[in-house]
């Protein structure tokens, strides 16, 4: 057998394609398809959201699953964030390798392979994970005992999402007691109480009602834990659509908005509450016109450049809209005689329908200031699914 071609001899390293831009080049020279990040807008979004949280006296722990980029996470931390959230352990490992030292994995880890990875990572950074079942607690306890490390564990409480989490205050107490009993390897760190389904309810009234219910459930669990002699130092949750409500609740101590730094078509469809200012679009697909006929143009970015689970991207060129999208192409059509002209070779911005899966399709974020490339950042945790 030729070991040079055997699976055990094959490399597992992924070859990263060249970046589509260089620092200092004009926007017009950025190759396509690419993903642009407007730094002025992103910084304004960070200032707005972090400022509101700070005025309410709660911490911000942004969700890095939106951008998967250590450079963006570092800017959020520099602007006052406690640390970041990740949805997968692999994301946490990638961001930790790039210098992020305080991470909450807002998900359950099942299996000794993941438990051992988490225990090892907890020896290098401050790491917290979620649990909603005794098996997860036992596996994490065994892994931290082997590694000689300590891991923060939050009990996930279902506050309306209908996905993960224990469903009663008594179940939260029982699981917190199991975590506390696993000391010194595990430390009960609080409650994870995220209502994801509330984030995209379109009206302020709907969102307020959903979060009011979440607050009631979280408050009941905190009271039950206190009655059992278990202080609850953290109640964490919230997202871009509702963070102001959790901040004002008097129950939540930490907020997890993610998409606020980028924004997308779907979040922009929410009607804002009267006391809220709009967040700006900072993330754009950057595509070239590669084919043209009367009333129609074809762009060089398709399903491999845009996440469309929440709808099609929106093209930013007057009088044009997206008609359809396929693997490598987006077709746009004019909406009337007053449509702005296009030529083959023109480059256009498109707002993604959903920012999180869009970012995960790209290796690079091209950070621009005005019409100039200021930085080119790797999407460090791209494809980190386990």
Protein backbone atom coordinates (compact mmCIF):
# COMPACT_ATOMS: atom_id res chain seq x y z
CA UNK A 1 0.00 0.00 0.00
CA UNK A 2 1.30 3.43 -0.93
CA UNK A 3 1.24 5.33 2.38
CA UNK A 4 1.64 8.64 0.55
CA UNK A 5 -1.91 8.32 -0.75
CA UNK A 6 -3.49 6.50 2.19
CA UNK A 7 -6.15 8.25 4.29
CA UNK A 8 -3.86 8.23 7.35
CA UNK A 9 -1.17 10.07 5.44
CA UNK A 10 -3.46 12.64 3.87
CA UNK A 11 -3.41 16.13 5.32
CA UNK A 12 -6.52 17.45 7.05
CA UNK A 13 -5.61 21.12 6.66
CA UNK A 14 -7.97 23.16 4.51
CA UNK A 15 -6.35 25.37 1.91
CA UNK A 16 -7.68 28.91 2.36
CA UNK A 17 -8.28 30.69 -0.96
CA UNK A 18 -6.52 34.02 -1.49
CA UNK A 19 -8.23 37.08 -0.04
CA UNK A 20 -10.35 39.05 -2.53
CA UNK A 21 -8.70 42.34 -1.56
CA UNK A 22 -5.57 43.92 -0.15
CA UNK A 23 -5.36 46.54 2.57
CA UNK A 24 -5.45 50.06 1.15
CA UNK A 25 -6.99 49.17 -2.19
CA UNK A 26 -10.12 51.00 -3.39
CA UNK A 27 -13.46 49.27 -3.08
CA UNK A 28 -13.73 49.08 -6.85
CA UNK A 29 -10.71 46.74 -6.92
CA UNK A 30 -12.17 44.19 -4.49
CA UNK A 31 -12.70 40.95 -6.41
CA UNK A 32 -16.10 39.28 -6.45
CA UNK A 33 -18.01 37.60 -4.98
CA UNK A 34 -16.86 38.91 -1.61
CA UNK A 35 -18.28 39.90 1.74
CA UNK A 36 -17.90 43.55 2.75
CA UNK A 37 -18.03 44.87 6.31
CA UNK A 38 -18.61 48.61 6.72
CA UNK A 39 -16.57 49.55 9.78
CA UNK A 40 -18.24 52.91 10.39
CA UNK A 41 -21.68 51.29 10.52
CA UNK A 42 -20.49 48.33 12.58
CA UNK A 43 -18.83 50.60 15.15
CA UNK A 44 -22.01 52.70 15.41
CA UNK A 45 -24.10 49.55 15.96
CA UNK A 46 -21.72 48.38 18.70
CA UNK A 47 -21.84 51.76 20.42
CA UNK A 48 -25.63 51.84 20.33
CA UNK A 49 -26.26 48.35 21.70
CA UNK A 50 -23.44 48.31 24.26
CA UNK A 51 -24.37 51.79 25.43
CA UNK A 52 -27.96 50.78 26.11
CA UNK A 53 -26.86 47.70 28.03
CA UNK A 54 -24.36 49.67 30.09
CA UNK A 55 -26.98 52.28 30.99
CA UNK A 56 -29.24 49.44 32.18
CA UNK A 57 -26.43 47.99 34.28
CA UNK A 58 -26.20 44.64 32.47
CA UNK A 59 -23.28 42.94 30.76
CA UNK A 60 -23.00 42.30 27.03
CA UNK A 61 -21.71 38.97 25.74
CA UNK A 62 -22.22 39.15 21.96
CA UNK A 63 -22.97 36.01 20.02
CA UNK A 64 -20.05 35.31 17.71
CA UNK A 65 -22.01 32.79 15.63
CA UNK A 66 -23.11 35.83 13.62
CA UNK A 67 -19.61 36.81 12.45
CA UNK A 68 -17.31 33.88 13.44
CA UNK A 69 -14.41 36.32 13.33
CA UNK A 70 -11.90 36.92 16.13
CA UNK A 71 -11.12 40.44 14.88
CA UNK A 72 -14.77 41.44 15.23
CA UNK A 73 -14.97 39.78 18.65
CA UNK A 74 -11.92 41.72 19.79
CA UNK A 75 -13.57 45.00 18.75
CA UNK A 76 -16.70 44.04 20.71
CA UNK A 77 -14.63 43.24 23.81
CA UNK A 78 -12.70 46.49 23.43
CA UNK A 79 -16.10 48.23 23.45
CA UNK A 80 -16.99 46.72 26.82
CA UNK A 81 -18.24 43.19 26.10
CA UNK A 82 -17.66 40.63 28.86
CA UNK A 83 -16.59 38.02 26.31
CA UNK A 84 -18.46 36.25 23.51
CA UNK A 85 -20.89 33.42 22.95
CA UNK A 86 -20.41 30.58 20.51
CA UNK A 87 -22.97 28.03 19.41
CA UNK A 88 -20.57 25.18 18.78
CA UNK A 89 -17.49 24.01 20.65
CA UNK A 90 -15.51 24.17 17.41
CA UNK A 91 -16.30 27.88 17.14
CA UNK A 92 -15.02 28.38 20.67
CA UNK A 93 -11.81 26.49 19.89
CA UNK A 94 -11.19 28.57 16.76
CA UNK A 95 -11.77 31.89 18.51
CA UNK A 96 -9.71 30.81 21.52
CA UNK A 97 -6.82 29.96 19.19
CA UNK A 98 -7.12 33.51 17.84
CA UNK A 99 -6.90 35.09 21.29
CA UNK A 100 -10.43 35.24 22.73
CA UNK A 101 -10.26 34.19 26.39
CA UNK A 102 -13.84 34.32 27.78
CA UNK A 103 -16.41 32.22 25.91
CA UNK A 104 -19.85 30.80 26.65
CA UNK A 105 -21.01 27.92 24.45
CA UNK A 106 -24.79 28.42 24.37
CA UNK A 107 -25.49 24.80 23.60
CA UNK A 108 -25.49 21.35 25.13
CA UNK A 109 -22.46 19.10 24.62
CA UNK A 110 -23.17 15.38 24.40
CA UNK A 111 -20.53 12.64 24.21
CA UNK A 112 -17.18 12.16 25.89
CA UNK A 113 -15.26 13.38 22.84
CA UNK A 114 -16.81 16.85 23.15
CA UNK A 115 -16.67 16.78 26.95
CA UNK A 116 -12.93 16.10 26.85
CA UNK A 117 -12.36 18.89 24.30
CA UNK A 118 -14.29 21.29 26.52
CA UNK A 119 -12.30 20.23 29.59
CA UNK A 120 -9.03 20.80 27.73
CA UNK A 121 -10.17 24.20 26.47
CA UNK A 122 -11.19 25.18 30.01
CA UNK A 123 -7.55 24.81 30.96
CA UNK A 124 -6.63 27.62 28.56
CA UNK A 125 -9.53 30.10 28.73
CA UNK A 126 -12.55 30.88 30.85
CA UNK A 127 -15.16 28.58 29.33
CA UNK A 128 -18.81 28.00 30.14
CA UNK A 129 -21.29 25.58 28.57
CA UNK A 130 -24.99 24.77 28.95
CA UNK A 131 -26.74 21.63 30.18
CA UNK A 132 -30.32 20.40 30.36
CA UNK A 133 -29.81 16.72 31.24
CA UNK A 134 -27.89 14.80 33.95
CA UNK A 135 -25.91 12.82 31.34
CA UNK A 136 -24.28 16.00 30.06
CA UNK A 137 -23.32 16.95 33.62
CA UNK A 138 -21.84 13.52 34.30
CA UNK A 139 -19.78 13.51 31.10
CA UNK A 140 -18.44 17.01 31.77
CA UNK A 141 -17.61 16.04 35.36
CA UNK A 142 -15.71 12.95 34.21
CA UNK A 143 -13.81 14.93 31.58
CA UNK A 144 -12.77 17.76 33.91
CA UNK A 145 -11.69 15.21 36.52
CA UNK A 146 -9.42 13.59 33.93
CA UNK A 147 -8.04 16.94 32.77
CA UNK A 148 -7.75 18.55 36.18
CA UNK A 149 -9.63 21.64 35.01
CA UNK A 150 -12.75 23.54 36.04
CA UNK A 151 -15.69 24.36 33.79
CA UNK A 152 -18.61 26.73 34.34
CA UNK A 153 -21.98 25.14 33.56
CA UNK A 154 -25.27 26.99 33.14
CA UNK A 155 -28.64 25.28 33.32
CA UNK A 156 -30.56 25.97 30.15
CA UNK A 157 -34.16 26.94 30.89
CA UNK A 158 -36.78 26.83 28.13
CA UNK A 159 -38.41 30.25 28.33
CA UNK A 160 -40.55 29.89 25.21
CA UNK A 161 -38.26 28.74 22.42
CA UNK A 162 -39.48 25.15 22.61
CA UNK A 163 -36.09 23.73 21.74
CA UNK A 164 -33.49 22.91 24.39
CA UNK A 165 -33.74 23.47 28.13
CA UNK A 166 -35.44 22.18 31.24
CA UNK A 167 -39.09 23.12 31.41
CA UNK A 168 -39.66 23.88 35.09
CA UNK A 169 -38.03 25.67 37.99
CA UNK A 170 -37.86 22.42 39.97
CA UNK A 171 -35.97 20.72 37.13
CA UNK A 172 -33.57 23.67 37.02
CA UNK A 173 -32.88 23.27 40.73
CA UNK A 174 -32.28 19.53 40.41
CA UNK A 175 -29.80 19.98 37.60
CA UNK A 176 -28.04 22.87 39.33
CA UNK A 177 -27.62 20.68 42.40
CA UNK A 178 -26.02 17.97 40.25
CA UNK A 179 -23.63 20.52 38.80
CA UNK A 180 -22.71 21.89 42.22
CA UNK A 181 -22.15 18.34 43.51
CA UNK A 182 -19.58 17.79 40.75
CA UNK A 183 -17.20 20.40 42.21
CA UNK A 184 -14.33 21.13 41.86
CA UNK A 185 -14.48 20.15 38.20
CA UNK A 186 -17.81 21.87 37.55
CA UNK A 187 -19.17 25.13 38.87
CA UNK A 188 -22.85 26.13 38.68
CA UNK A 189 -22.74 29.47 36.87
CA UNK A 190 -26.38 30.44 36.39
CA UNK A 191 -29.21 30.17 33.88
CA UNK A 192 -29.26 30.32 30.12
CA UNK A 193 -32.70 31.71 29.22
CA UNK A 194 -32.79 32.60 25.52
CA UNK A 195 -36.04 33.08 23.61
CA UNK A 196 -34.87 32.87 20.00
CA UNK A 197 -38.38 32.72 18.59
CA UNK A 198 -39.10 36.21 19.92
CA UNK A 199 -36.30 37.85 17.94
CA UNK A 200 -38.16 37.99 14.63
CA UNK A 201 -41.68 38.67 15.83
CA UNK A 202 -42.42 41.72 13.75
CA UNK A 203 -44.36 43.99 16.08
CA UNK A 204 -43.07 45.48 19.35
CA UNK A 205 -46.21 44.26 21.09
CA UNK A 206 -45.57 40.65 20.08
CA UNK A 207 -41.95 40.81 21.21
CA UNK A 208 -42.88 42.44 24.52
CA UNK A 209 -45.42 39.72 25.27
CA UNK A 210 -42.98 36.92 24.45
CA UNK A 211 -40.19 38.35 26.60
CA UNK A 212 -42.59 39.11 29.46
CA UNK A 213 -43.33 35.39 29.57
CA UNK A 214 -39.62 34.56 29.44
CA UNK A 215 -38.92 36.92 32.33
CA UNK A 216 -41.61 35.26 34.46
CA UNK A 217 -40.08 31.82 33.89
CA UNK A 218 -36.55 33.04 34.57
CA UNK A 219 -37.61 34.86 37.74
CA UNK A 220 -39.37 31.74 39.05
CA UNK A 221 -36.26 29.65 38.45
CA UNK A 222 -33.98 32.19 40.17
CA UNK A 223 -36.30 32.22 43.21
CA UNK A 224 -36.38 28.42 43.35
CA UNK A 225 -32.60 28.23 43.16
CA UNK A 226 -32.26 30.78 45.97
CA UNK A 227 -34.70 28.80 48.12
CA UNK A 228 -32.52 25.73 47.57
CA UNK A 229 -29.42 27.63 48.68
CA UNK A 230 -28.02 28.02 45.18
CA UNK A 231 -27.14 31.60 44.23
CA UNK A 232 -27.66 32.33 40.52
CA UNK A 233 -24.90 34.77 39.51
CA UNK A 234 -25.88 34.98 35.84
CA UNK A 235 -29.12 34.99 33.87
CA UNK A 236 -28.10 35.26 30.26
CA UNK A 237 -30.07 35.47 27.04
CA UNK A 238 -31.60 38.03 24.67
CA UNK A 239 -30.89 38.76 21.02
CA UNK A 240 -30.81 41.60 18.53
CA UNK A 241 -34.59 41.77 18.32
CA UNK A 242 -35.33 41.96 22.05
CA UNK A 243 -32.16 42.90 23.97
CA UNK A 244 -33.67 46.16 25.26
CA UNK A 245 -36.52 44.22 26.89
CA UNK A 246 -34.25 41.79 28.75
CA UNK A 247 -31.98 44.70 29.73
CA UNK A 248 -34.94 46.43 31.41
CA UNK A 249 -36.33 43.27 33.05
CA UNK A 250 -34.47 43.40 36.34
CA UNK A 251 -33.84 39.65 35.97
CA UNK A 252 -31.33 39.27 33.14
CA UNK A 253 -27.74 40.13 34.01
CA UNK A 254 -26.20 39.48 30.57
CA UNK A 255 -27.29 39.99 26.95
CA UNK A 256 -26.32 37.90 23.90
CA UNK A 257 -27.19 39.88 20.75
CA UNK A 258 -25.30 38.67 17.69
CA UNK A 259 -26.63 40.06 14.42
CA UNK A 260 -26.59 43.66 15.67
CA UNK A 261 -23.05 44.20 14.41
CA UNK A 262 -23.98 43.14 10.85
CA UNK A 263 -27.77 43.27 10.33
CA UNK A 264 -29.68 41.72 7.43
CA UNK A 265 -32.93 41.93 5.48
CA UNK A 266 -34.82 39.78 7.98
CA UNK A 267 -33.96 41.77 11.10
CA UNK A 268 -34.64 45.03 9.26
CA UNK A 269 -38.22 43.83 8.69
CA UNK A 270 -38.96 44.15 12.43
CA UNK A 271 -40.99 47.21 13.43
CA UNK A 272 -39.00 49.07 16.07
CA UNK A 273 -40.31 50.09 19.46
CA UNK A 274 -40.74 53.84 19.92
CA UNK A 275 -37.71 54.09 22.19
CA UNK A 276 -35.37 52.22 19.82
CA UNK A 277 -33.19 53.58 17.04
CA UNK A 278 -32.54 51.55 13.89
CA UNK A 279 -29.32 49.62 13.49
CA UNK A 280 -27.43 50.07 10.25
CA UNK A 281 -26.58 47.53 7.60
CA UNK A 282 -22.87 46.79 7.91
CA UNK A 283 -22.67 43.52 5.92
CA UNK A 284 -22.93 43.34 2.14
CA UNK A 285 -22.39 40.83 -0.56
CA UNK A 286 -20.21 42.34 -3.31
CA UNK A 287 -20.96 40.96 -6.76
CA UNK A 288 -20.15 41.72 -10.40
CA UNK A 289 -22.52 41.90 -13.33
CA UNK A 290 -21.31 39.08 -15.59
CA UNK A 291 -24.18 38.93 -18.11
CA UNK A 292 -26.71 41.49 -19.27
CA UNK A 293 -29.80 41.71 -21.46
CA UNK A 294 -32.62 44.26 -21.55
CA UNK A 295 -34.24 44.44 -18.14
CA UNK A 296 -32.08 41.68 -16.63
CA UNK A 297 -28.60 41.24 -15.20
CA UNK A 298 -26.79 38.21 -13.81
CA UNK A 299 -24.41 38.52 -10.86
CA UNK A 300 -21.54 36.18 -9.98
CA UNK A 301 -22.65 35.28 -6.44
CA UNK A 302 -25.39 32.75 -5.72
CA UNK A 303 -26.34 30.23 -3.07
CA UNK A 304 -22.67 29.67 -2.26
CA UNK A 305 -22.35 33.36 -1.38
CA UNK A 306 -25.70 34.12 0.35
CA UNK A 307 -27.71 32.34 3.01
CA UNK A 308 -31.35 32.41 1.85
CA UNK A 309 -33.14 30.55 4.65
CA UNK A 310 -34.72 33.86 5.70
CA UNK A 311 -35.29 35.15 2.18
CA UNK A 312 -33.45 36.50 -0.84
CA UNK A 313 -30.80 39.21 -0.64
CA UNK A 314 -31.75 42.78 -1.51
CA UNK A 315 -29.77 44.49 -4.25
CA UNK A 316 -28.75 48.10 -3.64
CA UNK A 317 -29.12 49.56 -7.12
CA UNK A 318 -32.08 51.84 -7.86
CA UNK A 319 -34.86 50.22 -9.84
CA UNK A 320 -33.56 46.62 -9.58
CA UNK A 321 -34.62 43.63 -7.49
CA UNK A 322 -33.58 40.02 -7.09
CA UNK A 323 -35.64 37.66 -9.23
CA UNK A 324 -33.94 34.36 -8.40
CA UNK A 325 -30.78 32.71 -7.13
CA UNK A 326 -28.96 29.49 -8.02
CA UNK A 327 -25.65 27.90 -7.04
CA UNK A 328 -23.33 30.49 -8.58
CA UNK A 329 -25.65 33.20 -9.93
CA UNK A 330 -28.17 35.78 -8.80
CA UNK A 331 -30.57 37.15 -11.42
CA UNK A 332 -31.81 40.69 -10.91
CA UNK A 333 -34.49 42.43 -12.98
CA UNK A 334 -35.44 46.04 -13.50
CA UNK A 335 -38.66 47.28 -11.92
CA UNK A 336 -39.41 50.03 -14.41
CA UNK A 337 -38.16 52.46 -17.02
CA UNK A 338 -36.48 54.57 -14.35
CA UNK A 339 -34.09 51.76 -13.31
CA UNK A 340 -30.49 52.93 -13.02
CA UNK A 341 -28.36 51.68 -15.92
CA UNK A 342 -26.00 48.72 -15.59
CA UNK A 343 -23.06 47.46 -17.62
CA UNK A 344 -21.14 44.21 -17.65
CA UNK A 345 -18.38 44.55 -15.10
CA UNK A 346 -20.30 46.82 -12.72
CA UNK A 347 -20.09 45.82 -9.06
CA UNK A 348 -23.09 45.96 -6.74
CA UNK A 349 -23.82 45.63 -3.04
CA UNK A 350 -26.51 43.23 -1.79
CA UNK A 351 -27.86 42.98 1.76
CA UNK A 352 -28.04 39.30 2.82
CA UNK A 353 -31.37 37.87 3.89
CA UNK A 354 -29.72 36.22 6.93
CA UNK A 355 -26.26 37.30 8.03
CA UNK A 356 -25.17 34.25 10.08
CA UNK A 357 -25.25 31.55 7.37
CA UNK A 358 -23.99 34.07 4.81
CA UNK A 359 -20.81 34.71 6.80
CA UNK A 360 -20.26 30.97 7.17
CA UNK A 361 -20.00 30.69 3.36
CA UNK A 362 -16.97 33.01 3.17
CA UNK A 363 -13.32 32.74 4.18
CA UNK A 364 -12.74 36.49 4.45
CA UNK A 365 -14.41 39.67 5.64
CA UNK A 366 -13.27 42.71 3.67
CA UNK A 367 -13.48 45.56 6.17
CA UNK A 368 -13.99 48.91 4.47
CA UNK A 369 -13.97 52.51 5.63
CA UNK A 370 -15.75 54.63 3.05
CA UNK A 371 -14.47 53.45 -0.33
CA UNK A 372 -11.16 52.00 0.92
CA UNK A 373 -10.21 48.59 2.31
CA UNK A 374 -8.93 49.05 5.86
CA UNK A 375 -8.52 45.39 6.85
CA UNK A 376 -9.03 41.88 5.54
CA UNK A 377 -10.03 39.46 8.30
CA UNK A 378 -10.31 35.67 8.21
CA UNK A 379 -13.63 34.09 9.19
CA UNK A 380 -11.79 32.06 11.83
CA UNK A 381 -14.63 29.71 12.78
CA UNK A 382 -16.04 29.11 9.31
CA UNK A 383 -17.50 25.61 9.09
CA UNK A 384 -16.97 24.84 12.79
CA UNK A 385 -20.07 22.69 13.19
CA UNK A 386 -19.10 20.28 15.99
